[in-house]
């Protein structure tokens, strides 16, 4: 199991990205959290098997239908999680 810190930029707020991301993470059996950031990006801390984390990143590059992702950065993260939560903007 690994933890990845993922940030996506583009038109990713106001398009249902967080809720869709949480649903995708749940479908993949990934735990962690997602939140909007004040700079307009979306941030994810994801905990799970590397192949499922890669599958989440692949989905995040597309996002929900109204999103337009311009950049995705995934780096090693920290923590182990038991659920996947939508957190308040930070």
PDB file of N, CA and C in Angstrom:
ATOM      1  N   UNK A   1       0.844  -1.184   0.000  1.00  0.00           N
ATOM      2  CA  UNK A   1       0.000   0.000   0.000  1.00  0.00           C
ATOM      3  C   UNK A   1       0.886   1.242   0.000  1.00  0.00           C
ATOM      4  N   UNK A   2       0.434   2.249  -0.732  1.00  0.00           N
ATOM      5  CA  UNK A   2       1.168   3.510  -0.823  1.00  0.00           C
ATOM      6  C   UNK A   2       0.203   4.670  -0.625  1.00  0.00           C
ATOM      7  N   UNK A   3       0.764   5.820  -0.313  1.00  0.00           N
ATOM      8  CA  UNK A   3      -0.013   7.056  -0.234  1.00  0.00           C
ATOM      9  C   UNK A   3       0.549   8.033  -1.248  1.00  0.00           C
ATOM     10  N   UNK A   4      -0.331   8.573  -2.089  1.00  0.00           N
ATOM     11  CA  UNK A   4       0.064   9.548  -3.104  1.00  0.00           C
ATOM     12  C   UNK A   4      -0.644  10.867  -2.832  1.00  0.00           C
ATOM     13  N   UNK A   5       0.083  11.961  -2.992  1.00  0.00           N
ATOM     14  CA  UNK A   5      -0.462  13.314  -2.921  1.00  0.00           C
ATOM     15  C   UNK A   5      -0.614  13.794  -4.363  1.00  0.00           C
ATOM     16  N   UNK A   6      -1.835  14.092  -4.752  1.00  0.00           N
ATOM     17  CA  UNK A   6      -2.140  14.410  -6.149  1.00  0.00           C
ATOM     18  C   UNK A   6      -2.806  15.787  -6.215  1.00  0.00           C
ATOM     19  N   UNK A   7      -2.349  16.608  -7.138  1.00  0.00           N
ATOM     20  CA  UNK A   7      -2.958  17.923  -7.361  1.00  0.00           C
ATOM     21  C   UNK A   7      -3.306  18.042  -8.841  1.00  0.00           C
ATOM     22  N   UNK A   8      -4.548  18.448  -9.117  1.00  0.00           N
ATOM     23  CA  UNK A   8      -4.970  18.693 -10.495  1.00  0.00           C
ATOM     24  C   UNK A   8      -5.319  20.165 -10.657  1.00  0.00           C
ATOM     25  N   UNK A   9      -4.967  20.696 -11.832  1.00  0.00           N
ATOM     26  CA  UNK A   9      -5.244  22.099 -12.146  1.00  0.00           C
ATOM     27  C   UNK A   9      -6.005  22.174 -13.452  1.00  0.00           C
ATOM     28  N   UNK A  10      -6.721  23.258 -13.611  1.00  0.00           N
ATOM     29  CA  UNK A  10      -7.540  23.485 -14.791  1.00  0.00           C
ATOM     30  C   UNK A  10      -8.921  23.926 -14.348  1.00  0.00           C
ATOM     31  N   UNK A  11      -9.940  23.591 -15.144  1.00  0.00           N
ATOM     32  CA  UNK A  11     -11.316  23.866 -14.725  1.00  0.00           C
ATOM     33  C   UNK A  11     -11.789  22.644 -13.936  1.00  0.00           C
ATOM     34  N   UNK A  12     -11.474  22.647 -12.644  1.00  0.00           N
ATOM     35  CA  UNK A  12     -11.743  21.484 -11.795  1.00  0.00           C
ATOM     36  C   UNK A  12     -12.586  21.832 -10.567  1.00  0.00           C
ATOM     37  N   UNK A  13     -12.980  23.085 -10.427  1.00  0.00           N
ATOM     38  CA  UNK A  13     -13.892  23.471  -9.352  1.00  0.00           C
ATOM     39  C   UNK A  13     -15.201  23.950  -9.963  1.00  0.00           C
ATOM     40  N   UNK A  14     -16.298  23.651  -9.271  1.00  0.00           N
ATOM     41  CA  UNK A  14     -17.612  24.038  -9.770  1.00  0.00           C
ATOM     42  C   UNK A  14     -18.146  23.127 -10.859  1.00  0.00           C
ATOM     43  N   UNK A  15     -17.512  21.971 -11.038  1.00  0.00           N
ATOM     44  CA  UNK A  15     -17.930  21.026 -12.084  1.00  0.00           C
ATOM     45  C   UNK A  15     -18.204  19.628 -11.519  1.00  0.00           C
ATOM     46  N   UNK A  16     -18.279  19.509 -10.186  1.00  0.00           N
ATOM     47  CA  UNK A  16     -18.540  18.214  -9.559  1.00  0.00           C
ATOM     48  C   UNK A  16     -17.324  17.316  -9.452  1.00  0.00           C
ATOM     49  N   UNK A  17     -16.143  17.899  -9.573  1.00  0.00           N
ATOM     50  CA  UNK A  17     -14.915  17.094  -9.582  1.00  0.00           C
ATOM     51  C   UNK A  17     -14.703  16.353  -8.264  1.00  0.00           C
ATOM     52  N   UNK A  18     -14.858  17.044  -7.130  1.00  0.00           N
ATOM     53  CA  UNK A  18     -14.593  16.394  -5.833  1.00  0.00           C
ATOM     54  C   UNK A  18     -15.500  15.197  -5.603  1.00  0.00           C
ATOM     55  N   UNK A  19     -16.792  15.387  -5.822  1.00  0.00           N
ATOM     56  CA  UNK A  19     -17.749  14.303  -5.585  1.00  0.00           C
ATOM     57  C   UNK A  19     -17.485  13.139  -6.532  1.00  0.00           C
ATOM     58  N   UNK A  20     -17.228  13.449  -7.800  1.00  0.00           N
ATOM     59  CA  UNK A  20     -16.933  12.393  -8.772  1.00  0.00           C
ATOM     60  C   UNK A  20     -15.640  11.669  -8.417  1.00  0.00           C
ATOM     61  N   UNK A  21     -14.645  12.414  -7.956  1.00  0.00           N
ATOM     62  CA  UNK A  21     -13.365  11.811  -7.562  1.00  0.00           C
ATOM     63  C   UNK A  21     -13.559  10.881  -6.367  1.00  0.00           C
ATOM     64  N   UNK A  22     -14.348  11.320  -5.392  1.00  0.00           N
ATOM     65  CA  UNK A  22     -14.623  10.476  -4.227  1.00  0.00           C
ATOM     66  C   UNK A  22     -15.331   9.193  -4.656  1.00  0.00           C
ATOM     67  N   UNK A  23     -16.262   9.297  -5.594  1.00  0.00           N
ATOM     68  CA  UNK A  23     -16.952   8.114  -6.098  1.00  0.00           C
ATOM     69  C   UNK A  23     -16.014   7.168  -6.822  1.00  0.00           C
ATOM     70  N   UNK A  24     -15.122   7.723  -7.622  1.00  0.00           N
ATOM     71  CA  UNK A  24     -14.152   6.898  -8.348  1.00  0.00           C
ATOM     72  C   UNK A  24     -13.201   6.216  -7.372  1.00  0.00           C
ATOM     73  N   UNK A  25     -12.739   6.960  -6.376  1.00  0.00           N
ATOM     74  CA  UNK A  25     -11.845   6.377  -5.370  1.00  0.00           C
ATOM     75  C   UNK A  25     -12.543   5.234  -4.643  1.00  0.00           C
ATOM     76  N   UNK A  26     -13.803   5.443  -4.276  1.00  0.00           N
ATOM     77  CA  UNK A  26     -14.560   4.388  -3.606  1.00  0.00           C
ATOM     78  C   UNK A  26     -14.704   3.149  -4.473  1.00  0.00           C
ATOM     79  N   UNK A  27     -14.970   3.351  -5.758  1.00  0.00           N
ATOM     80  CA  UNK A  27     -15.110   2.222  -6.682  1.00  0.00           C
ATOM     81  C   UNK A  27     -13.807   1.444  -6.814  1.00  0.00           C
ATOM     82  N   UNK A  28     -12.680   2.141  -6.662  1.00  0.00           N
ATOM     83  CA  UNK A  28     -11.364   1.498  -6.761  1.00  0.00           C
ATOM     84  C   UNK A  28     -10.866   0.953  -5.421  1.00  0.00           C
ATOM     85  N   UNK A  29     -11.604   1.205  -4.342  1.00  0.00           N
ATOM     86  CA  UNK A  29     -11.169   0.743  -3.026  1.00  0.00           C
ATOM     87  C   UNK A  29     -10.029   1.565  -2.453  1.00  0.00           C
ATOM     88  N   UNK A  30      -9.969   2.840  -2.832  1.00  0.00           N
ATOM     89  CA  UNK A  30      -8.919   3.745  -2.357  1.00  0.00           C
ATOM     90  C   UNK A  30      -9.469   4.590  -1.219  1.00  0.00           C
ATOM     91  N   UNK A  31      -8.670   4.801  -0.192  1.00  0.00           N
ATOM     92  CA  UNK A  31      -9.036   5.644   0.939  1.00  0.00           C
ATOM     93  C   UNK A  31      -8.234   6.932   0.896  1.00  0.00           C
ATOM     94  N   UNK A  32      -8.686   7.938   1.637  1.00  0.00           N
ATOM     95  CA  UNK A  32      -7.980   9.213   1.713  1.00  0.00           C
ATOM     96  C   UNK A  32      -8.951  10.364   1.744  1.00  0.00           C
ATOM     97  N   UNK A  33      -8.637  11.431   1.021  1.00  0.00           N
ATOM     98  CA  UNK A  33      -9.510  12.607   0.989  1.00  0.00           C
ATOM     99  C   UNK A  33      -9.278  13.423  -0.277  1.00  0.00           C
ATOM    100  N   UNK A  34     -10.255  14.285  -0.553  1.00  0.00           N
ATOM    101  CA  UNK A  34     -10.182  15.231  -1.668  1.00  0.00           C
ATOM    102  C   UNK A  34     -10.693  16.571  -1.161  1.00  0.00           C
ATOM    103  N   UNK A  35     -10.093  17.665  -1.650  1.00  0.00           N
ATOM    104  CA  UNK A  35     -10.574  18.998  -1.280  1.00  0.00           C
ATOM    105  C   UNK A  35     -10.202  20.007  -2.361  1.00  0.00           C
ATOM    106  N   UNK A  36     -11.015  21.063  -2.443  1.00  0.00           N
ATOM    107  CA  UNK A  36     -10.670  22.206  -3.279  1.00  0.00           C
ATOM    108  C   UNK A  36      -9.604  23.021  -2.570  1.00  0.00           C
ATOM    109  N   UNK A  37      -8.767  23.682  -3.363  1.00  0.00           N
ATOM    110  CA  UNK A  37      -7.786  24.613  -2.803  1.00  0.00           C
ATOM    111  C   UNK A  37      -8.127  26.018  -3.272  1.00  0.00           C
ATOM    112  N   UNK A  38      -7.743  26.976  -2.470  1.00  0.00           N
ATOM    113  CA  UNK A  38      -8.084  28.369  -2.778  1.00  0.00           C
ATOM    114  C   UNK A  38      -7.478  28.851  -4.095  1.00  0.00           C
ATOM    115  N   UNK A  39      -6.435  28.181  -4.575  1.00  0.00           N
ATOM    116  CA  UNK A  39      -5.816  28.589  -5.846  1.00  0.00           C
ATOM    117  C   UNK A  39      -6.566  28.047  -7.068  1.00  0.00           C
ATOM    118  N   UNK A  40      -7.698  27.359  -6.840  1.00  0.00           N
ATOM    119  CA  UNK A  40      -8.501  26.837  -7.940  1.00  0.00           C
ATOM    120  C   UNK A  40      -8.214  25.392  -8.305  1.00  0.00           C
ATOM    121  N   UNK A  41      -7.225  24.792  -7.674  1.00  0.00           N
ATOM    122  CA  UNK A  41      -6.888  23.393  -7.951  1.00  0.00           C
ATOM    123  C   UNK A  41      -7.677  22.467  -7.024  1.00  0.00           C
ATOM    124  N   UNK A  42      -7.560  21.180  -7.270  1.00  0.00           N
ATOM    125  CA  UNK A  42      -8.128  20.145  -6.406  1.00  0.00           C
ATOM    126  C   UNK A  42      -6.982  19.277  -5.919  1.00  0.00           C
ATOM    127  N   UNK A  43      -7.006  18.974  -4.623  1.00  0.00           N
ATOM    128  CA  UNK A  43      -5.936  18.213  -3.969  1.00  0.00           C
ATOM    129  C   UNK A  43      -6.501  16.899  -3.434  1.00  0.00           C
ATOM    130  N   UNK A  44      -5.741  15.826  -3.614  1.00  0.00           N
ATOM    131  CA  UNK A  44      -6.144  14.494  -3.157  1.00  0.00           C
ATOM    132  C   UNK A  44      -4.989  13.854  -2.403  1.00  0.00           C
ATOM    133  N   UNK A  45      -5.296  13.210  -1.291  1.00  0.00           N
ATOM    134  CA  UNK A  45      -4.359  12.318  -0.614  1.00  0.00           C
ATOM    135  C   UNK A  45      -5.000  10.938  -0.725  1.00  0.00           C
ATOM    136  N   UNK A  46      -4.352  10.041  -1.452  1.00  0.00           N
ATOM    137  CA  UNK A  46      -4.943   8.744  -1.781  1.00  0.00           C
ATOM    138  C   UNK A  46      -4.069   7.612  -1.258  1.00  0.00           C
ATOM    139  N   UNK A  47      -4.711   6.628  -0.610  1.00  0.00           N
ATOM    140  CA  UNK A  47      -4.016   5.500   0.011  1.00  0.00           C
ATOM    141  C   UNK A  47      -4.579   4.199  -0.545  1.00  0.00           C
ATOM    142  N   UNK A  48      -3.705   3.387  -1.146  1.00  0.00           N
ATOM    143  CA  UNK A  48      -4.153   2.119  -1.692  1.00  0.00           C
ATOM    144  C   UNK A  48      -3.039   1.430  -2.448  1.00  0.00           C
ATOM    145  N   UNK A  49      -3.354   0.327  -3.126  1.00  0.00           N
ATOM    146  CA  UNK A  49      -2.356  -0.376  -3.933  1.00  0.00           C
ATOM    147  C   UNK A  49      -1.915   0.496  -5.113  1.00  0.00           C
ATOM    148  N   UNK A  50      -0.644   0.440  -5.479  1.00  0.00           N
ATOM    149  CA  UNK A  50      -0.125   1.301  -6.554  1.00  0.00           C
ATOM    150  C   UNK A  50      -0.899   1.205  -7.867  1.00  0.00           C
ATOM    151  N   UNK A  51      -1.341   0.017  -8.255  1.00  0.00           N
ATOM    152  CA  UNK A  51      -2.064  -0.102  -9.524  1.00  0.00           C
ATOM    153  C   UNK A  51      -3.410   0.617  -9.471  1.00  0.00           C
ATOM    154  N   UNK A  52      -4.052   0.613  -8.315  1.00  0.00           N
ATOM    155  CA  UNK A  52      -5.326   1.326  -8.178  1.00  0.00           C
ATOM    156  C   UNK A  52      -5.107   2.831  -8.089  1.00  0.00           C
ATOM    157  N   UNK A  53      -4.006   3.242  -7.457  1.00  0.00           N
ATOM    158  CA  UNK A  53      -3.672   4.669  -7.420  1.00  0.00           C
ATOM    159  C   UNK A  53      -3.405   5.183  -8.833  1.00  0.00           C
ATOM    160  N   UNK A  54      -2.733   4.385  -9.633  1.00  0.00           N
ATOM    161  CA  UNK A  54      -2.487   4.763 -11.031  1.00  0.00           C
ATOM    162  C   UNK A  54      -3.801   4.860 -11.798  1.00  0.00           C
ATOM    163  N   UNK A  55      -4.720   3.934 -11.540  1.00  0.00           N
ATOM    164  CA  UNK A  55      -6.035   3.991 -12.187  1.00  0.00           C
ATOM    165  C   UNK A  55      -6.781   5.260 -11.775  1.00  0.00           C
ATOM    166  N   UNK A  56      -6.676   5.657 -10.502  1.00  0.00           N
ATOM    167  CA  UNK A  56      -7.304   6.898 -10.059  1.00  0.00           C
ATOM    168  C   UNK A  56      -6.687   8.095 -10.780  1.00  0.00           C
ATOM    169  N   UNK A  57      -5.370   8.121 -10.887  1.00  0.00           N
ATOM    170  CA  UNK A  57      -4.700   9.217 -11.606  1.00  0.00           C
ATOM    171  C   UNK A  57      -5.155   9.277 -13.058  1.00  0.00           C
ATOM    172  N   UNK A  58      -5.300   8.127 -13.695  1.00  0.00           N
ATOM    173  CA  UNK A  58      -5.769   8.102 -15.083  1.00  0.00           C
ATOM    174  C   UNK A  58      -7.159   8.719 -15.193  1.00  0.00           C
ATOM    175  N   UNK A  59      -8.042   8.388 -14.241  1.00  0.00           N
ATOM    176  CA  UNK A  59      -9.372   8.997 -14.235  1.00  0.00           C
ATOM    177  C   UNK A  59      -9.260  10.496 -13.964  1.00  0.00           C
ATOM    178  N   UNK A  60      -8.418  10.882 -13.013  1.00  0.00           N
ATOM    179  CA  UNK A  60      -8.288  12.288 -12.633  1.00  0.00           C
ATOM    180  C   UNK A  60      -7.776  13.146 -13.787  1.00  0.00           C
ATOM    181  N   UNK A  61      -7.015  12.575 -14.699  1.00  0.00           N
ATOM    182  CA  UNK A  61      -6.546  13.332 -15.866  1.00  0.00           C
ATOM    183  C   UNK A  61      -7.708  13.740 -16.772  1.00  0.00           C
ATOM    184  N   UNK A  62      -8.793  12.990 -16.719  1.00  0.00           N
ATOM    185  CA  UNK A  62      -9.998  13.304 -17.496  1.00  0.00           C
ATOM    186  C   UNK A  62     -11.018  14.033 -16.627  1.00  0.00           C
ATOM    187  N   UNK A  63     -11.309  13.473 -15.452  1.00  0.00           N
ATOM    188  CA  UNK A  63     -12.298  14.049 -14.549  1.00  0.00           C
ATOM    189  C   UNK A  63     -13.711  13.849 -15.057  1.00  0.00           C
ATOM    190  N   UNK A  64     -14.673  14.496 -14.398  1.00  0.00           N
ATOM    191  CA  UNK A  64     -16.064  14.405 -14.838  1.00  0.00           C
ATOM    192  C   UNK A  64     -16.264  15.180 -16.145  1.00  0.00           C
ATOM    193  N   UNK A  65     -17.422  15.022 -16.792  1.00  0.00           N
ATOM    194  CA  UNK A  65     -17.624  15.586 -18.132  1.00  0.00           C
ATOM    195  C   UNK A  65     -17.345  17.086 -18.279  1.00  0.00           C
ATOM    196  N   UNK A  66     -17.695  17.903 -17.297  1.00  0.00           N
ATOM    197  CA  UNK A  66     -17.528  19.353 -17.439  1.00  0.00           C
ATOM    198  C   UNK A  66     -16.151  19.855 -17.022  1.00  0.00           C
ATOM    199  N   UNK A  67     -15.290  18.977 -16.553  1.00  0.00           N
ATOM    200  CA  UNK A  67     -13.946  19.386 -16.126  1.00  0.00           C
ATOM    201  C   UNK A  67     -13.010  19.491 -17.325  1.00  0.00           C
ATOM    202  N   UNK A  68     -11.998  20.317 -17.164  1.00  0.00           N
ATOM    203  CA  UNK A  68     -10.911  20.393 -18.141  1.00  0.00           C
ATOM    204  C   UNK A  68      -9.609  20.410 -17.346  1.00  0.00           C
ATOM    205  N   UNK A  69      -8.920  19.291 -17.316  1.00  0.00           N
ATOM    206  CA  UNK A  69      -7.686  19.159 -16.540  1.00  0.00           C
ATOM    207  C   UNK A  69      -6.512  19.588 -17.411  1.00  0.00           C
ATOM    208  N   UNK A  70      -5.753  20.555 -16.915  1.00  0.00           N
ATOM    209  CA  UNK A  70      -4.576  21.046 -17.630  1.00  0.00           C
ATOM    210  C   UNK A  70      -3.283  20.431 -17.112  1.00  0.00           C
ATOM    211  N   UNK A  71      -3.267  20.016 -15.845  1.00  0.00           N
ATOM    212  CA  UNK A  71      -2.041  19.462 -15.253  1.00  0.00           C
ATOM    213  C   UNK A  71      -2.405  18.559 -14.089  1.00  0.00           C
ATOM    214  N   UNK A  72      -1.619  17.512 -13.910  1.00  0.00           N
ATOM    215  CA  UNK A  72      -1.741  16.617 -12.763  1.00  0.00           C
ATOM    216  C   UNK A  72      -0.337  16.321 -12.265  1.00  0.00           C
ATOM    217  N   UNK A  73      -0.136  16.492 -10.963  1.00  0.00           N
ATOM    218  CA  UNK A  73       1.141  16.165 -10.330  1.00  0.00           C
ATOM    219  C   UNK A  73       0.854  15.171  -9.216  1.00  0.00           C
ATOM    220  N   UNK A  74       1.526  14.025  -9.244  1.00  0.00           N
ATOM    221  CA  UNK A  74       1.391  13.002  -8.204  1.00  0.00           C
ATOM    222  C   UNK A  74       2.761  12.768  -7.581  1.00  0.00           C
ATOM    223  N   UNK A  75       2.825  12.931  -6.265  1.00  0.00           N
ATOM    224  CA  UNK A  75       4.062  12.751  -5.504  1.00  0.00           C
ATOM    225  C   UNK A  75       3.787  11.822  -4.333  1.00  0.00           C
ATOM    226  N   UNK A  76       4.827  11.254  -3.726  1.00  0.00           N
ATOM    227  CA  UNK A  76       4.597  10.456  -2.524  1.00  0.00           C
ATOM    228  C   UNK A  76       3.904  11.294  -1.448  1.00  0.00           C
ATOM    229  N   UNK A  77       2.948  10.692  -0.780  1.00  0.00           N
ATOM    230  CA  UNK A  77       2.213  11.363   0.288  1.00  0.00           C
ATOM    231  C   UNK A  77       2.473  10.695   1.619  1.00  0.00           C
ATOM    232  N   UNK A  78       1.690  11.076   2.619  1.00  0.00           N
ATOM    233  CA  UNK A  78       1.865  10.531   3.966  1.00  0.00           C
ATOM    234  C   UNK A  78       0.504  10.198   4.559  1.00  0.00           C
ATOM    235  N   UNK A  79       0.478   9.161   5.368  1.00  0.00           N
ATOM    236  CA  UNK A  79      -0.729   8.799   6.094  1.00  0.00           C
ATOM    237  C   UNK A  79      -1.366   7.529   5.567  1.00  0.00           C
ATOM    238  N   UNK A  80      -2.145   6.931   6.435  1.00  0.00           N
ATOM    239  CA  UNK A  80      -2.974   5.779   6.096  1.00  0.00           C
ATOM    240  C   UNK A  80      -4.399   6.153   6.473  1.00  0.00           C
ATOM    241  N   UNK A  81      -5.361   5.798   5.637  1.00  0.00           N
ATOM    242  CA  UNK A  81      -6.731   6.253   5.813  1.00  0.00           C
ATOM    243  C   UNK A  81      -7.685   5.068   5.742  1.00  0.00           C
ATOM    244  N   UNK A  82      -8.831   5.192   6.426  1.00  0.00           N
ATOM    245  CA  UNK A  82      -9.814   4.111   6.457  1.00  0.00           C
ATOM    246  C   UNK A  82     -11.055   4.419   5.635  1.00  0.00           C
ATOM    247  N   UNK A  83     -11.233   5.671   5.235  1.00  0.00           N
ATOM    248  CA  UNK A  83     -12.376   6.106   4.439  1.00  0.00           C
ATOM    249  C   UNK A  83     -11.871   7.031   3.343  1.00  0.00           C
ATOM    250  N   UNK A  84     -12.783   7.473   2.488  1.00  0.00           N
ATOM    251  CA  UNK A  84     -12.451   8.533   1.535  1.00  0.00           C
ATOM    252  C   UNK A  84     -13.429   9.664   1.781  1.00  0.00           C
ATOM    253  N   UNK A  85     -12.906  10.849   2.120  1.00  0.00           N
ATOM    254  CA  UNK A  85     -13.734  11.978   2.532  1.00  0.00           C
ATOM    255  C   UNK A  85     -13.557  13.173   1.608  1.00  0.00           C
ATOM    256  N   UNK A  86     -14.621  13.967   1.486  1.00  0.00           N
ATOM    257  CA  UNK A  86     -14.552  15.284   0.856  1.00  0.00           C
ATOM    258  C   UNK A  86     -14.344  16.292   1.981  1.00  0.00           C
ATOM    259  N   UNK A  87     -13.219  16.980   1.964  1.00  0.00           N
ATOM    260  CA  UNK A  87     -12.875  17.937   3.011  1.00  0.00           C
ATOM    261  C   UNK A  87     -13.197  19.357   2.565  1.00  0.00           C
ATOM    262  N   UNK A  88     -13.311  20.285   3.530  1.00  0.00           N
ATOM    263  CA  UNK A  88     -13.532  21.692   3.183  1.00  0.00           C
ATOM    264  C   UNK A  88     -12.337  22.271   2.428  1.00  0.00           C
ATOM    265  N   UNK A  89     -12.593  23.345   1.711  1.00  0.00           N
ATOM    266  CA  UNK A  89     -11.543  24.057   0.979  1.00  0.00           C
ATOM    267  C   UNK A  89     -10.433  24.490   1.923  1.00  0.00           C
ATOM    268  N   UNK A  90      -9.200  24.374   1.448  1.00  0.00           N
ATOM    269  CA  UNK A  90      -8.049  24.786   2.267  1.00  0.00           C
ATOM    270  C   UNK A  90      -7.136  25.687   1.450  1.00  0.00           C
TER     271      UNK A  90
END
